[in-house]
Amino acid sequence: MNIGIIGAGPIGVTISEKLYNLGHNIKIADVRSVSYLENKKFKGKAVEIDEVIKHVDILIISIPTQVIPTIKPYISNISDDVIVVDTSNYYPFRDGNIKELNDGTVESEWVSEAIGKPVIKAFNNLLAYTLKNKNSTEENEEKIAMAISGDNTEDKKIISELIQSIGFDTVDSGEIKNSWRHQPGTPAYCTELNTEELEIALKVADKNLAPINRDEVFKHFEPNMNHDQIIELNRKYYGTNEII
């Protein structure tokens, strides 16, 4: 497939590598300029943002939440047949305070409104390290599962198959209004669960507690933490340990 990626942070770069290695045609853009992609270790062709949206089957948005409204002029030009995937997560300490999100609007519903296109929420509830290093293509091996939400069943199926092709199971969280169940602060968020565990985590998520838990974890986060320590921290404060 022809896949465009907006954003060359850890998630965008990792997705580009995984999908490129499977033979997909990958283009990647930085919102600011193609020059910002110099020395980035992605796979695929570096292009300007007005080029990344052309002739693609899937467009993956992997940029900070606060930046998303700025890409609407470009997104409005794409065909309705293009599947738009939102990988973003809202962090007030990074994105500033977005009133609608602070008031409880579901992040991906806000994203959809901001760009004027429906989205599939995926690739947001696993850390970049997990995406890069913890996948499995062995049929007999228990896999880490990724949550996915969206209103278009066929589009979700296509993205689920893409996720499965890079070695992760998927759990459908339902319509995009349910994507809050795998936002930061929930038991499903960046806690490395298998399919059965993730299904439970999505079910028991508490929308009111999620932002409180998210901000609590940030208080305890230290820059020198390794991957396992981050997973342990998330599981502790997101209530995941109570269900696994």
C-alpha atoms as a PDB file:
ATOM      1  CA  MET A   1       0.000   0.000   0.000  1.00  0.00           C
ATOM      2  CA  ASN A   2       0.930   3.644  -0.365  1.00  0.00           C
ATOM      3  CA  ILE A   3       1.259   5.151   3.094  1.00  0.00           C
ATOM      4  CA  GLY A   4       1.987   8.719   4.134  1.00  0.00           C
ATOM      5  CA  ILE A   5       3.196   9.622   7.621  1.00  0.00           C
ATOM      6  CA  ILE A   6       3.106  13.116   9.085  1.00  0.00           C
ATOM      7  CA  GLY A   7       5.597  13.275  11.929  1.00  0.00           C
ATOM      8  CA  ALA A   8       9.040  11.805  12.449  1.00  0.00           C
ATOM      9  CA  GLY A   9       9.077  11.368  16.205  1.00  0.00           C
ATOM     10  CA  PRO A  10       9.737   7.966  17.791  1.00  0.00           C
ATOM     11  CA  ILE A  11       6.314   6.552  16.820  1.00  0.00           C
ATOM     12  CA  GLY A  12       6.314   7.876  13.255  1.00  0.00           C
ATOM     13  CA  VAL A  13       9.871   6.706  12.618  1.00  0.00           C
ATOM     14  CA  THR A  14       9.189   3.245  14.032  1.00  0.00           C
ATOM     15  CA  ILE A  15       6.007   2.820  11.989  1.00  0.00           C
ATOM     16  CA  SER A  16       7.864   3.884   8.844  1.00  0.00           C
ATOM     17  CA  GLU A  17      10.548   1.259   9.454  1.00  0.00           C
ATOM     18  CA  LYS A  18       8.109  -1.577  10.205  1.00  0.00           C
ATOM     19  CA  LEU A  19       5.887  -0.916   7.192  1.00  0.00           C
ATOM     20  CA  TYR A  20       8.719  -0.158   4.777  1.00  0.00           C
ATOM     21  CA  ASN A  21      10.362  -3.460   5.659  1.00  0.00           C
ATOM     22  CA  LEU A  22       7.120  -5.206   4.688  1.00  0.00           C
ATOM     23  CA  GLY A  23       7.241  -3.679   1.231  1.00  0.00           C
ATOM     24  CA  HIS A  24       4.840  -0.769   1.596  1.00  0.00           C
ATOM     25  CA  ASN A  25       5.575   2.507  -0.188  1.00  0.00           C
ATOM     26  CA  ILE A  26       6.294   5.026   2.563  1.00  0.00           C
ATOM     27  CA  LYS A  27       6.455   8.812   2.415  1.00  0.00           C
ATOM     28  CA  ILE A  28       7.140  10.838   5.548  1.00  0.00           C
ATOM     29  CA  ALA A  29       6.862  14.562   6.201  1.00  0.00           C
ATOM     30  CA  ASP A  30       7.583  17.055   8.949  1.00  0.00           C
ATOM     31  CA  VAL A  31       4.944  19.743   9.474  1.00  0.00           C
ATOM     32  CA  ARG A  32       7.596  22.456   9.370  1.00  0.00           C
ATOM     33  CA  SER A  33       9.772  21.487   6.407  1.00  0.00           C
ATOM     34  CA  VAL A  34      11.447  18.499   4.796  1.00  0.00           C
ATOM     35  CA  SER A  35      14.749  19.908   6.061  1.00  0.00           C
ATOM     36  CA  TYR A  36      13.770  18.839   9.590  1.00  0.00           C
ATOM     37  CA  LEU A  37      13.960  15.218   8.462  1.00  0.00           C
ATOM     38  CA  GLU A  38      17.711  15.388   7.931  1.00  0.00           C
ATOM     39  CA  ASN A  39      19.530  12.866  10.146  1.00  0.00           C
ATOM     40  CA  LYS A  40      16.230  11.227  11.177  1.00  0.00           C
ATOM     41  CA  LYS A  41      16.434   7.436  11.007  1.00  0.00           C
ATOM     42  CA  PHE A  42      13.183   6.699   9.211  1.00  0.00           C
ATOM     43  CA  LYS A  43      12.484   4.432   6.248  1.00  0.00           C
ATOM     44  CA  GLY A  44      10.908   5.730   3.058  1.00  0.00           C
ATOM     45  CA  LYS A  45      10.980   8.964   1.098  1.00  0.00           C
ATOM     46  CA  ALA A  46      11.263  12.363   2.776  1.00  0.00           C
ATOM     47  CA  VAL A  47       8.773  14.847   1.308  1.00  0.00           C
ATOM     48  CA  GLU A  48       7.101  18.144   2.084  1.00  0.00           C
ATOM     49  CA  ILE A  49       3.729  17.971   3.788  1.00  0.00           C
ATOM     50  CA  ASP A  50       1.796  18.938   0.660  1.00  0.00           C
ATOM     51  CA  GLU A  51       3.346  15.919  -1.072  1.00  0.00           C
ATOM     52  CA  VAL A  52       2.837  13.357   1.701  1.00  0.00           C
ATOM     53  CA  ILE A  53      -0.945  13.499   1.248  1.00  0.00           C
ATOM     54  CA  LYS A  54      -0.873  12.729  -2.482  1.00  0.00           C
ATOM     55  CA  HIS A  55      -1.684   9.295  -3.910  1.00  0.00           C
ATOM     56  CA  VAL A  56      -1.841   7.488  -0.570  1.00  0.00           C
ATOM     57  CA  ASP A  57      -4.184   4.813   0.715  1.00  0.00           C
ATOM     58  CA  ILE A  58      -3.455   5.552   4.366  1.00  0.00           C
ATOM     59  CA  LEU A  59      -2.315   8.742   6.083  1.00  0.00           C
ATOM     60  CA  ILE A  60      -0.867   8.364   9.572  1.00  0.00           C
ATOM     61  CA  ILE A  61      -0.755  11.436  11.799  1.00  0.00           C
ATOM     62  CA  SER A  62       1.942  11.183  14.458  1.00  0.00           C
ATOM     63  CA  ILE A  63       2.513  14.690  15.769  1.00  0.00           C
ATOM     64  CA  PRO A  64       1.930  16.468  19.098  1.00  0.00           C
ATOM     65  CA  THR A  65      -1.744  17.175  19.753  1.00  0.00           C
ATOM     66  CA  GLN A  66      -1.277  20.941  19.834  1.00  0.00           C
ATOM     67  CA  VAL A  67       0.080  20.916  16.259  1.00  0.00           C
ATOM     68  CA  ILE A  68      -2.765  18.933  14.719  1.00  0.00           C
ATOM     69  CA  PRO A  69      -5.070  21.873  13.856  1.00  0.00           C
ATOM     70  CA  THR A  70      -2.311  23.394  11.698  1.00  0.00           C
ATOM     71  CA  ILE A  71      -2.492  20.534   9.181  1.00  0.00           C
ATOM     72  CA  LYS A  72      -6.190  20.963   8.371  1.00  0.00           C
ATOM     73  CA  PRO A  73      -5.523  22.927   5.135  1.00  0.00           C
ATOM     74  CA  TYR A  74      -3.562  19.945   3.810  1.00  0.00           C
ATOM     75  CA  ILE A  75      -5.865  17.207   5.093  1.00  0.00           C
ATOM     76  CA  SER A  76      -8.906  18.889   3.555  1.00  0.00           C
ATOM     77  CA  ASN A  77      -7.451  18.161   0.120  1.00  0.00           C
ATOM     78  CA  ILE A  78      -7.283  14.384   0.465  1.00  0.00           C
ATOM     79  CA  SER A  79      -9.817  11.969  -0.957  1.00  0.00           C
ATOM     80  CA  ASP A  80     -12.499  10.549   1.317  1.00  0.00           C
ATOM     81  CA  ASP A  81     -11.151   7.119   0.380  1.00  0.00           C
ATOM     82  CA  VAL A  82      -7.918   7.764   2.296  1.00  0.00           C
ATOM     83  CA  ILE A  83      -7.893   6.207   5.768  1.00  0.00           C
ATOM     84  CA  VAL A  84      -6.622   8.734   8.309  1.00  0.00           C
ATOM     85  CA  VAL A  85      -5.002   7.236  11.420  1.00  0.00           C
ATOM     86  CA  ASP A  86      -4.545   9.270  14.592  1.00  0.00           C
ATOM     87  CA  THR A  87      -1.705   8.084  16.844  1.00  0.00           C
ATOM     88  CA  SER A  88      -1.618  11.157  19.083  1.00  0.00           C
ATOM     89  CA  ASN A  89      -1.901  11.440  22.858  1.00  0.00           C
ATOM     90  CA  TYR A  90      -2.692  14.593  24.793  1.00  0.00           C
ATOM     91  CA  TYR A  91      -0.217  15.714  27.445  1.00  0.00           C
ATOM     92  CA  PRO A  92      -0.920  19.182  28.891  1.00  0.00           C
ATOM     93  CA  PHE A  93       2.697  19.592  30.061  1.00  0.00           C
ATOM     94  CA  ARG A  94       3.776  19.314  26.398  1.00  0.00           C
ATOM     95  CA  ASP A  95       0.752  20.494  24.429  1.00  0.00           C
ATOM     96  CA  GLY A  96      -0.421  23.288  26.686  1.00  0.00           C
ATOM     97  CA  ASN A  97      -3.950  23.332  28.025  1.00  0.00           C
ATOM     98  CA  ILE A  98      -6.563  22.550  25.384  1.00  0.00           C
ATOM     99  CA  LYS A  99      -9.877  23.488  26.981  1.00  0.00           C
ATOM    100  CA  GLU A 100     -12.060  20.980  25.143  1.00  0.00           C
ATOM    101  CA  LEU A 101      -9.801  18.098  26.122  1.00  0.00           C
ATOM    102  CA  ASN A 102      -9.511  19.283  29.709  1.00  0.00           C
ATOM    103  CA  ASP A 103     -13.312  19.421  29.790  1.00  0.00           C
ATOM    104  CA  GLY A 104     -13.563  15.772  28.746  1.00  0.00           C
ATOM    105  CA  THR A 105     -13.841  15.753  24.948  1.00  0.00           C
ATOM    106  CA  VAL A 106     -12.470  12.461  23.621  1.00  0.00           C
ATOM    107  CA  GLU A 107      -9.044  13.160  22.128  1.00  0.00           C
ATOM    108  CA  SER A 108      -9.613  11.553  18.733  1.00  0.00           C
ATOM    109  CA  GLU A 109     -13.052  13.147  18.368  1.00  0.00           C
ATOM    110  CA  TRP A 110     -11.295  16.465  18.901  1.00  0.00           C
ATOM    111  CA  VAL A 111      -8.649  15.510  16.329  1.00  0.00           C
ATOM    112  CA  SER A 112     -11.327  14.556  13.815  1.00  0.00           C
ATOM    113  CA  GLU A 113     -13.057  17.895  14.304  1.00  0.00           C
ATOM    114  CA  ALA A 114      -9.747  19.772  14.110  1.00  0.00           C
ATOM    115  CA  ILE A 115      -8.798  18.313  10.718  1.00  0.00           C
ATOM    116  CA  GLY A 116     -12.275  17.896   9.275  1.00  0.00           C
ATOM    117  CA  LYS A 117     -11.885  14.161   8.601  1.00  0.00           C
ATOM    118  CA  PRO A 118     -12.936  10.974  10.391  1.00  0.00           C
ATOM    119  CA  VAL A 119     -10.029   9.096  11.957  1.00  0.00           C
ATOM    120  CA  ILE A 120      -9.089   5.655  13.160  1.00  0.00           C
ATOM    121  CA  LYS A 121      -7.338   5.715  16.540  1.00  0.00           C
ATOM    122  CA  ALA A 122      -4.405   3.283  16.600  1.00  0.00           C
ATOM    123  CA  PHE A 123      -0.691   3.019  17.452  1.00  0.00           C
ATOM    124  CA  ASN A 124      -1.262   5.211  20.514  1.00  0.00           C
ATOM    125  CA  ASN A 125      -1.312   2.740  23.419  1.00  0.00           C
ATOM    126  CA  LEU A 126       2.134   1.237  22.979  1.00  0.00           C
ATOM    127  CA  LEU A 127       5.473   2.899  23.625  1.00  0.00           C
ATOM    128  CA  ALA A 128       7.823   3.394  20.666  1.00  0.00           C
ATOM    129  CA  TYR A 129      10.238   0.922  22.250  1.00  0.00           C
ATOM    130  CA  THR A 130       7.457  -1.654  22.421  1.00  0.00           C
ATOM    131  CA  LEU A 131       6.550  -1.077  18.772  1.00  0.00           C
ATOM    132  CA  LYS A 132      10.161  -1.418  17.727  1.00  0.00           C
ATOM    133  CA  ASN A 133      11.287  -4.352  19.851  1.00  0.00           C
ATOM    134  CA  LYS A 134       8.382  -6.340  21.268  1.00  0.00           C
ATOM    135  CA  ASN A 135       6.529  -7.524  18.157  1.00  0.00           C
ATOM    136  CA  SER A 136       6.241 -11.202  17.266  1.00  0.00           C
ATOM    137  CA  THR A 137       5.447 -12.966  14.005  1.00  0.00           C
ATOM    138  CA  GLU A 138       5.355 -16.395  15.622  1.00  0.00           C
ATOM    139  CA  GLU A 139       1.861 -17.876  15.588  1.00  0.00           C
ATOM    140  CA  ASN A 140       2.422 -19.868  18.763  1.00  0.00           C
ATOM    141  CA  GLU A 141       3.802 -16.967  20.774  1.00  0.00           C
ATOM    142  CA  GLU A 142       1.611 -14.764  22.963  1.00  0.00           C
ATOM    143  CA  LYS A 143       1.644 -11.285  21.489  1.00  0.00           C
ATOM    144  CA  ILE A 144       1.247  -7.816  22.897  1.00  0.00           C
ATOM    145  CA  ALA A 145      -2.059  -6.318  21.776  1.00  0.00           C
ATOM    146  CA  MET A 146      -2.855  -2.863  20.422  1.00  0.00           C
ATOM    147  CA  ALA A 147      -6.175  -1.090  20.851  1.00  0.00           C
ATOM    148  CA  ILE A 148      -8.007   0.381  17.880  1.00  0.00           C
ATOM    149  CA  SER A 149     -11.147   2.523  17.645  1.00  0.00           C
ATOM    150  CA  GLY A 150     -13.137   4.039  14.810  1.00  0.00           C
ATOM    151  CA  ASP A 151     -16.545   4.407  13.214  1.00  0.00           C
ATOM    152  CA  ASN A 152     -15.758   2.790   9.870  1.00  0.00           C
ATOM    153  CA  THR A 153     -15.664  -0.993  10.265  1.00  0.00           C
ATOM    154  CA  GLU A 154     -13.915  -1.654   6.967  1.00  0.00           C
ATOM    155  CA  ASP A 155     -11.226   0.944   7.644  1.00  0.00           C
ATOM    156  CA  LYS A 156     -10.634  -0.560  11.082  1.00  0.00           C
ATOM    157  CA  LYS A 157     -10.248  -3.979   9.495  1.00  0.00           C
ATOM    158  CA  ILE A 158      -7.598  -2.682   7.099  1.00  0.00           C
ATOM    159  CA  ILE A 159      -5.635  -0.963   9.872  1.00  0.00           C
ATOM    160  CA  SER A 160      -5.984  -4.005  12.139  1.00  0.00           C
ATOM    161  CA  GLU A 161      -4.515  -6.221   9.427  1.00  0.00           C
ATOM    162  CA  LEU A 162      -1.662  -3.732   9.029  1.00  0.00           C
ATOM    163  CA  ILE A 163      -0.976  -3.861  12.763  1.00  0.00           C
ATOM    164  CA  GLN A 164      -1.126  -7.638  12.798  1.00  0.00           C
ATOM    165  CA  SER A 165       1.314  -7.782   9.885  1.00  0.00           C
ATOM    166  CA  ILE A 166       3.984  -6.101  12.035  1.00  0.00           C
ATOM    167  CA  GLY A 167       3.513  -8.616  14.833  1.00  0.00           C
ATOM    168  CA  PHE A 168       0.901  -7.337  17.257  1.00  0.00           C
ATOM    169  CA  ASP A 169      -2.611  -8.493  18.074  1.00  0.00           C
ATOM    170  CA  THR A 170      -5.463  -5.985  17.986  1.00  0.00           C
ATOM    171  CA  VAL A 171      -8.466  -5.370  20.210  1.00  0.00           C
ATOM    172  CA  ASP A 172     -11.371  -3.345  18.823  1.00  0.00           C
ATOM    173  CA  SER A 173     -12.536  -0.748  21.351  1.00  0.00           C
ATOM    174  CA  GLY A 174     -15.558   0.165  19.236  1.00  0.00           C
ATOM    175  CA  GLU A 175     -16.532   3.554  17.857  1.00  0.00           C
ATOM    176  CA  ILE A 176     -14.227   6.546  17.971  1.00  0.00           C
ATOM    177  CA  LYS A 177     -16.172   7.885  20.964  1.00  0.00           C
ATOM    178  CA  ASN A 178     -14.788   4.918  22.902  1.00  0.00           C
ATOM    179  CA  SER A 179     -11.153   5.685  22.073  1.00  0.00           C
ATOM    180  CA  TRP A 180     -10.815   7.402  25.469  1.00  0.00           C
ATOM    181  CA  ARG A 181     -10.520   3.871  26.847  1.00  0.00           C
ATOM    182  CA  HIS A 182      -6.951   3.725  25.506  1.00  0.00           C
ATOM    183  CA  GLN A 183      -5.960   7.331  26.144  1.00  0.00           C
ATOM    184  CA  PRO A 184      -3.203   8.208  28.663  1.00  0.00           C
ATOM    185  CA  GLY A 185      -4.142   7.393  32.246  1.00  0.00           C
ATOM    186  CA  THR A 186      -6.164   4.257  31.504  1.00  0.00           C
ATOM    187  CA  PRO A 187      -5.152   0.658  32.317  1.00  0.00           C
ATOM    188  CA  ALA A 188      -4.735  -0.029  28.588  1.00  0.00           C
ATOM    189  CA  TYR A 189      -2.248   2.770  27.977  1.00  0.00           C
ATOM    190  CA  CYS A 190       1.378   1.728  27.455  1.00  0.00           C
ATOM    191  CA  THR A 191       1.208  -1.251  29.806  1.00  0.00           C
ATOM    192  CA  GLU A 192       2.018  -4.083  27.353  1.00  0.00           C
ATOM    193  CA  LEU A 193      -0.992  -6.369  27.669  1.00  0.00           C
ATOM    194  CA  ASN A 194      -1.998  -9.462  25.730  1.00  0.00           C
ATOM    195  CA  THR A 195      -5.385  -9.663  24.016  1.00  0.00           C
ATOM    196  CA  GLU A 196      -7.320 -11.006  26.987  1.00  0.00           C
ATOM    197  CA  GLU A 197      -5.779  -8.515  29.404  1.00  0.00           C
ATOM    198  CA  LEU A 198      -6.331  -5.600  27.035  1.00  0.00           C
ATOM    199  CA  GLU A 199      -9.994  -6.493  26.589  1.00  0.00           C
ATOM    200  CA  ILE A 200     -10.438  -6.291  30.377  1.00  0.00           C
ATOM    201  CA  ALA A 201      -8.395  -3.087  30.640  1.00  0.00           C
ATOM    202  CA  LEU A 202     -10.549  -1.349  28.045  1.00  0.00           C
ATOM    203  CA  LYS A 203     -13.723  -2.484  29.775  1.00  0.00           C
ATOM    204  CA  VAL A 204     -12.790  -1.276  33.279  1.00  0.00           C
ATOM    205  CA  ALA A 205     -11.329   2.096  32.235  1.00  0.00           C
ATOM    206  CA  ASP A 206     -12.618   5.108  34.158  1.00  0.00           C
ATOM    207  CA  LYS A 207     -12.897   8.277  32.062  1.00  0.00           C
ATOM    208  CA  ASN A 208     -12.868  10.587  35.073  1.00  0.00           C
ATOM    209  CA  LEU A 209      -9.769   8.998  36.604  1.00  0.00           C
ATOM    210  CA  ALA A 210      -7.733   8.886  33.388  1.00  0.00           C
ATOM    211  CA  PRO A 211      -6.415  12.492  33.375  1.00  0.00           C
ATOM    212  CA  ILE A 212      -5.721  12.285  37.115  1.00  0.00           C
ATOM    213  CA  ASN A 213      -3.725   9.079  36.649  1.00  0.00           C
ATOM    214  CA  ARG A 214      -1.917  10.530  33.627  1.00  0.00           C
ATOM    215  CA  ASP A 215      -0.738  13.555  35.577  1.00  0.00           C
ATOM    216  CA  GLU A 216       0.192  11.438  38.608  1.00  0.00           C
ATOM    217  CA  VAL A 217       2.507   9.263  36.532  1.00  0.00           C
ATOM    218  CA  PHE A 218       4.259  12.353  35.209  1.00  0.00           C
ATOM    219  CA  LYS A 219       5.079  13.376  38.781  1.00  0.00           C
ATOM    220  CA  HIS A 220       6.961  10.103  39.285  1.00  0.00           C
ATOM    221  CA  PHE A 221       8.598   9.865  35.871  1.00  0.00           C
ATOM    222  CA  GLU A 222      12.375  10.253  35.734  1.00  0.00           C
ATOM    223  CA  PRO A 223      14.343  10.776  32.504  1.00  0.00           C
ATOM    224  CA  ASN A 224      16.797   7.966  33.294  1.00  0.00           C
ATOM    225  CA  MET A 225      14.083   5.308  33.650  1.00  0.00           C
ATOM    226  CA  ASN A 226      14.492   2.277  31.414  1.00  0.00           C
ATOM    227  CA  HIS A 227      11.663   0.734  29.437  1.00  0.00           C
ATOM    228  CA  ASP A 228      10.680  -1.880  32.016  1.00  0.00           C
ATOM    229  CA  GLN A 229      10.567   0.741  34.761  1.00  0.00           C
ATOM    230  CA  ILE A 230       8.231   2.901  32.668  1.00  0.00           C
ATOM    231  CA  ILE A 231       5.887  -0.029  32.069  1.00  0.00           C
ATOM    232  CA  GLU A 232       5.948  -0.825  35.794  1.00  0.00           C
ATOM    233  CA  LEU A 233       5.187   2.807  36.658  1.00  0.00           C
ATOM    234  CA  ASN A 234       2.270   2.939  34.233  1.00  0.00           C
ATOM    235  CA  ARG A 235       0.800  -0.328  35.476  1.00  0.00           C
ATOM    236  CA  LYS A 236       0.990   0.848  39.079  1.00  0.00           C
ATOM    237  CA  TYR A 237      -0.730   4.206  38.678  1.00  0.00           C
ATOM    238  CA  TYR A 238      -3.131   3.309  35.851  1.00  0.00           C
ATOM    239  CA  GLY A 239      -4.625   0.441  37.861  1.00  0.00           C
ATOM    240  CA  THR A 240      -3.404  -2.213  35.447  1.00  0.00           C
ATOM    241  CA  ASN A 241      -1.852  -4.375  38.164  1.00  0.00           C
ATOM    242  CA  GLU A 242      -5.323  -4.951  39.553  1.00  0.00           C
ATOM    243  CA  ILE A 243      -6.470  -6.770  36.399  1.00  0.00           C
ATOM    244  CA  ILE A 244      -3.440  -8.806  35.305  1.00  0.00           C
END
